[in-house]
Amino acid sequence: SNDGTGLFARAAAASFTWVSFVGGCHESFTGTLTCPTLPLEESLPTTATYAIAFAERHVLGSEDPGVLAILDGSTEVSTHVVVSRTERAE
């Protein structure tokens, strides 16, 4: 499978969040070409939402509950997104 699940499984030793588009392609994140299975009108604003939330949290140090809810998957950004998380075992 080319959906990244193997990479996600190997990353289980670390805290890890995986955001994937159901029906998406590589272009769904980059916007460089169209994706025949997911319109860019849906994927690009969703990608921007996650990228901005990530930057707010990890660059600006935000602890805003709204930002954290986007990043932990408790706020649904799009019905086309699946957020998978693993927490590193101490």
N, C-alpha and C. Protein backbone atom coordinates (compact mmCIF):
# COMPACT_ATOMS: atom_id res chain seq x y z
N SER A 1 0.84 -1.19 0.00
CA SER A 1 0.00 0.00 0.00
C SER A 1 0.88 1.24 0.00
N ASN A 2 0.47 2.26 -0.72
CA ASN A 2 1.24 3.49 -0.82
C ASN A 2 0.56 4.61 -0.03
N ASP A 3 -0.18 4.28 1.03
CA ASP A 3 -0.89 5.29 1.79
C ASP A 3 -0.14 5.78 3.01
N GLY A 4 1.06 5.29 3.23
CA GLY A 4 1.87 5.75 4.34
C GLY A 4 1.72 4.96 5.61
N THR A 5 0.88 3.94 5.64
CA THR A 5 0.67 3.20 6.88
C THR A 5 1.94 2.50 7.36
N GLY A 6 2.78 2.06 6.45
CA GLY A 6 4.03 1.44 6.86
C GLY A 6 4.94 2.43 7.56
N LEU A 7 5.04 3.62 7.03
CA LEU A 7 5.84 4.67 7.66
C LEU A 7 5.26 5.03 9.02
N PHE A 8 3.94 5.14 9.10
CA PHE A 8 3.29 5.45 10.37
C PHE A 8 3.62 4.38 11.41
N ALA A 9 3.56 3.10 11.03
CA ALA A 9 3.86 2.01 11.95
C ALA A 9 5.31 2.08 12.43
N ARG A 10 6.24 2.41 11.54
CA ARG A 10 7.66 2.50 11.93
C ARG A 10 7.93 3.68 12.85
N ALA A 11 7.10 4.70 12.79
CA ALA A 11 7.30 5.90 13.61
C ALA A 11 6.68 5.76 14.99
N ALA A 12 6.14 4.60 15.31
CA ALA A 12 5.44 4.40 16.58
C ALA A 12 6.35 4.60 17.80
N ALA A 13 7.65 4.59 17.62
CA ALA A 13 8.55 4.81 18.74
C ALA A 13 8.58 6.28 19.18
N ALA A 14 8.00 7.15 18.38
CA ALA A 14 7.97 8.57 18.70
C ALA A 14 6.53 9.06 18.74
N SER A 15 6.31 10.21 19.35
CA SER A 15 5.01 10.85 19.25
C SER A 15 4.87 11.32 17.81
N PHE A 16 3.75 10.99 17.21
CA PHE A 16 3.64 11.19 15.77
C PHE A 16 2.19 11.47 15.40
N THR A 17 1.97 12.43 14.51
CA THR A 17 0.65 12.70 13.97
C THR A 17 0.72 12.58 12.47
N TRP A 18 -0.23 11.86 11.89
CA TRP A 18 -0.29 11.63 10.45
C TRP A 18 -1.61 12.15 9.95
N VAL A 19 -1.58 13.10 9.02
CA VAL A 19 -2.79 13.65 8.41
C VAL A 19 -2.85 13.13 6.98
N SER A 20 -3.95 12.46 6.64
CA SER A 20 -4.08 11.95 5.28
C SER A 20 -5.43 12.32 4.70
N PHE A 21 -5.46 12.47 3.39
CA PHE A 21 -6.69 12.76 2.67
C PHE A 21 -7.26 11.47 2.12
N VAL A 22 -8.51 11.17 2.45
CA VAL A 22 -9.20 10.03 1.87
C VAL A 22 -9.44 10.36 0.40
N GLY A 23 -8.93 9.50 -0.48
CA GLY A 23 -9.08 9.76 -1.90
C GLY A 23 -8.09 10.77 -2.45
N GLY A 24 -7.15 11.20 -1.63
CA GLY A 24 -6.19 12.22 -2.05
C GLY A 24 -4.98 11.64 -2.76
N CYS A 25 -4.22 12.53 -3.37
CA CYS A 25 -2.97 12.21 -4.06
C CYS A 25 -1.88 13.12 -3.47
N HIS A 26 -0.67 12.93 -3.89
CA HIS A 26 0.41 13.82 -3.46
C HIS A 26 0.05 15.27 -3.79
N GLU A 27 -0.57 15.46 -4.94
CA GLU A 27 -0.95 16.80 -5.38
C GLU A 27 -1.99 17.44 -4.46
N SER A 28 -2.69 16.62 -3.68
CA SER A 28 -3.68 17.17 -2.76
C SER A 28 -3.03 18.08 -1.72
N PHE A 29 -1.78 17.80 -1.37
CA PHE A 29 -1.07 18.63 -0.41
C PHE A 29 -0.30 19.76 -1.08
N THR A 30 0.20 19.50 -2.27
CA THR A 30 1.09 20.48 -2.90
C THR A 30 0.36 21.47 -3.80
N GLY A 31 -0.73 21.03 -4.43
CA GLY A 31 -1.46 21.90 -5.34
C GLY A 31 -0.75 22.17 -6.64
N THR A 32 0.31 21.40 -6.93
CA THR A 32 1.06 21.64 -8.16
C THR A 32 0.34 21.13 -9.40
N LEU A 33 -0.45 20.07 -9.23
CA LEU A 33 -1.25 19.51 -10.32
C LEU A 33 -2.59 19.13 -9.74
N THR A 34 -3.56 18.89 -10.59
CA THR A 34 -4.85 18.46 -10.08
C THR A 34 -4.80 17.00 -9.67
N CYS A 35 -5.63 16.65 -8.72
CA CYS A 35 -5.77 15.27 -8.26
C CYS A 35 -7.12 14.79 -8.77
N PRO A 36 -7.15 13.71 -9.54
CA PRO A 36 -8.42 13.27 -10.13
C PRO A 36 -9.44 12.77 -9.11
N THR A 37 -9.03 12.46 -7.89
CA THR A 37 -9.95 11.90 -6.92
C THR A 37 -10.32 12.84 -5.78
N LEU A 38 -9.72 14.02 -5.71
CA LEU A 38 -10.06 14.99 -4.67
C LEU A 38 -9.78 16.40 -5.20
N PRO A 39 -10.82 17.23 -5.32
CA PRO A 39 -10.63 18.57 -5.89
C PRO A 39 -9.70 19.43 -5.04
N LEU A 40 -8.86 20.20 -5.71
CA LEU A 40 -7.95 21.12 -5.01
C LEU A 40 -8.72 22.15 -4.19
N GLU A 41 -9.94 22.47 -4.61
CA GLU A 41 -10.75 23.43 -3.86
C GLU A 41 -11.04 22.93 -2.45
N GLU A 42 -11.01 21.63 -2.26
CA GLU A 42 -11.20 21.04 -0.94
C GLU A 42 -9.87 20.84 -0.23
N SER A 43 -8.89 20.31 -0.93
CA SER A 43 -7.64 19.92 -0.26
C SER A 43 -6.73 21.09 0.10
N LEU A 44 -6.64 22.11 -0.74
CA LEU A 44 -5.68 23.19 -0.46
C LEU A 44 -6.05 24.01 0.78
N PRO A 45 -7.32 24.43 0.96
CA PRO A 45 -7.64 25.15 2.20
C PRO A 45 -7.45 24.27 3.44
N THR A 46 -7.71 22.99 3.31
CA THR A 46 -7.51 22.07 4.42
C THR A 46 -6.03 21.95 4.76
N THR A 47 -5.20 21.80 3.73
CA THR A 47 -3.75 21.74 3.95
C THR A 47 -3.26 23.03 4.62
N ALA A 48 -3.75 24.17 4.16
CA ALA A 48 -3.36 25.45 4.75
C ALA A 48 -3.76 25.53 6.22
N THR A 49 -4.93 25.04 6.55
CA THR A 49 -5.39 25.05 7.94
C THR A 49 -4.44 24.27 8.84
N TYR A 50 -4.06 23.08 8.41
CA TYR A 50 -3.12 22.27 9.20
C TYR A 50 -1.74 22.91 9.26
N ALA A 51 -1.27 23.44 8.15
CA ALA A 51 0.07 24.06 8.12
C ALA A 51 0.12 25.28 9.04
N ILE A 52 -0.92 26.10 9.01
CA ILE A 52 -0.94 27.28 9.88
C ILE A 52 -1.04 26.88 11.34
N ALA A 53 -1.89 25.89 11.64
CA ALA A 53 -2.00 25.42 13.03
C ALA A 53 -0.66 24.86 13.51
N PHE A 54 0.03 24.10 12.65
CA PHE A 54 1.34 23.55 13.01
C PHE A 54 2.33 24.68 13.30
N ALA A 55 2.36 25.69 12.44
CA ALA A 55 3.28 26.81 12.64
C ALA A 55 2.94 27.59 13.91
N GLU A 56 1.65 27.82 14.13
CA GLU A 56 1.26 28.54 15.35
C GLU A 56 1.73 27.79 16.60
N ARG A 57 1.59 26.48 16.58
CA ARG A 57 1.97 25.69 17.75
C ARG A 57 3.48 25.56 17.90
N HIS A 58 4.16 25.18 16.82
CA HIS A 58 5.56 24.81 16.94
C HIS A 58 6.55 25.92 16.63
N VAL A 59 6.12 26.95 15.94
CA VAL A 59 7.00 28.10 15.68
C VAL A 59 6.71 29.21 16.67
N LEU A 60 5.42 29.50 16.86
CA LEU A 60 5.04 30.61 17.75
C LEU A 60 4.77 30.16 19.18
N GLY A 61 4.73 28.85 19.40
CA GLY A 61 4.53 28.33 20.76
C GLY A 61 3.11 28.48 21.28
N SER A 62 2.13 28.59 20.39
CA SER A 62 0.75 28.77 20.80
C SER A 62 0.24 27.59 21.61
N GLU A 63 -0.51 27.89 22.65
CA GLU A 63 -1.22 26.87 23.41
C GLU A 63 -2.72 27.08 23.30
N ASP A 64 -3.14 27.80 22.27
CA ASP A 64 -4.55 28.07 22.04
C ASP A 64 -5.31 26.75 21.90
N PRO A 65 -6.38 26.56 22.65
CA PRO A 65 -7.14 25.31 22.57
C PRO A 65 -7.67 25.00 21.17
N GLY A 66 -8.01 26.02 20.40
CA GLY A 66 -8.48 25.79 19.04
C GLY A 66 -7.39 25.23 18.14
N VAL A 67 -6.19 25.74 18.28
CA VAL A 67 -5.05 25.25 17.51
C VAL A 67 -4.74 23.81 17.91
N LEU A 68 -4.70 23.56 19.21
CA LEU A 68 -4.39 22.21 19.69
C LEU A 68 -5.45 21.20 19.25
N ALA A 69 -6.70 21.62 19.20
CA ALA A 69 -7.79 20.73 18.77
C ALA A 69 -7.66 20.36 17.30
N ILE A 70 -7.20 21.30 16.48
CA ILE A 70 -6.95 20.98 15.07
C ILE A 70 -5.84 19.94 14.98
N LEU A 71 -4.77 20.17 15.71
CA LEU A 71 -3.60 19.30 15.61
C LEU A 71 -3.80 17.92 16.23
N ASP A 72 -4.66 17.81 17.24
CA ASP A 72 -4.87 16.49 17.83
C ASP A 72 -6.03 15.74 17.18
N GLY A 73 -6.69 16.38 16.21
CA GLY A 73 -7.75 15.72 15.47
C GLY A 73 -9.12 15.80 16.12
N SER A 74 -9.24 16.48 17.26
CA SER A 74 -10.55 16.57 17.90
C SER A 74 -11.47 17.59 17.23
N THR A 75 -10.91 18.51 16.45
CA THR A 75 -11.71 19.40 15.60
C THR A 75 -11.62 18.89 14.18
N GLU A 76 -12.77 18.61 13.58
CA GLU A 76 -12.80 18.14 12.20
C GLU A 76 -12.60 19.33 11.25
N VAL A 77 -11.55 19.28 10.48
CA VAL A 77 -11.25 20.33 9.51
C VAL A 77 -11.93 20.02 8.18
N SER A 78 -11.99 18.75 7.83
CA SER A 78 -12.59 18.31 6.58
C SER A 78 -13.06 16.87 6.73
N THR A 79 -14.15 16.55 6.06
CA THR A 79 -14.62 15.16 6.07
C THR A 79 -13.71 14.27 5.25
N HIS A 80 -12.79 14.86 4.49
CA HIS A 80 -11.85 14.10 3.66
C HIS A 80 -10.56 13.76 4.39
N VAL A 81 -10.45 14.15 5.66
CA VAL A 81 -9.20 13.99 6.39
C VAL A 81 -9.33 12.92 7.47
N VAL A 82 -8.27 12.12 7.60
CA VAL A 82 -8.13 11.19 8.71
C VAL A 82 -6.86 11.60 9.45
N VAL A 83 -6.99 11.83 10.77
CA VAL A 83 -5.85 12.17 11.60
C VAL A 83 -5.54 10.95 12.46
N SER A 84 -4.30 10.46 12.36
CA SER A 84 -3.85 9.32 13.17
C SER A 84 -2.74 9.81 14.08
N ARG A 85 -2.79 9.37 15.33
CA ARG A 85 -1.79 9.81 16.29
C ARG A 85 -1.24 8.62 17.06
N THR A 86 0.00 8.74 17.45
CA THR A 86 0.61 7.79 18.35
C THR A 86 1.41 8.60 19.38
N GLU A 87 1.36 8.18 20.60
CA GLU A 87 2.13 8.84 21.65
C GLU A 87 3.29 7.94 22.03
N ARG A 88 4.42 8.52 22.15
CA ARG A 88 5.64 7.78 22.50
C ARG A 88 5.50 7.20 23.90
N ALA A 89 5.78 5.93 24.02
CA ALA A 89 5.75 5.28 25.33
C ALA A 89 7.01 5.67 26.11
N GLU A 90 6.83 6.09 27.29
CA GLU A 90 7.97 6.51 28.13
C GLU A 90 8.56 5.34 28.84
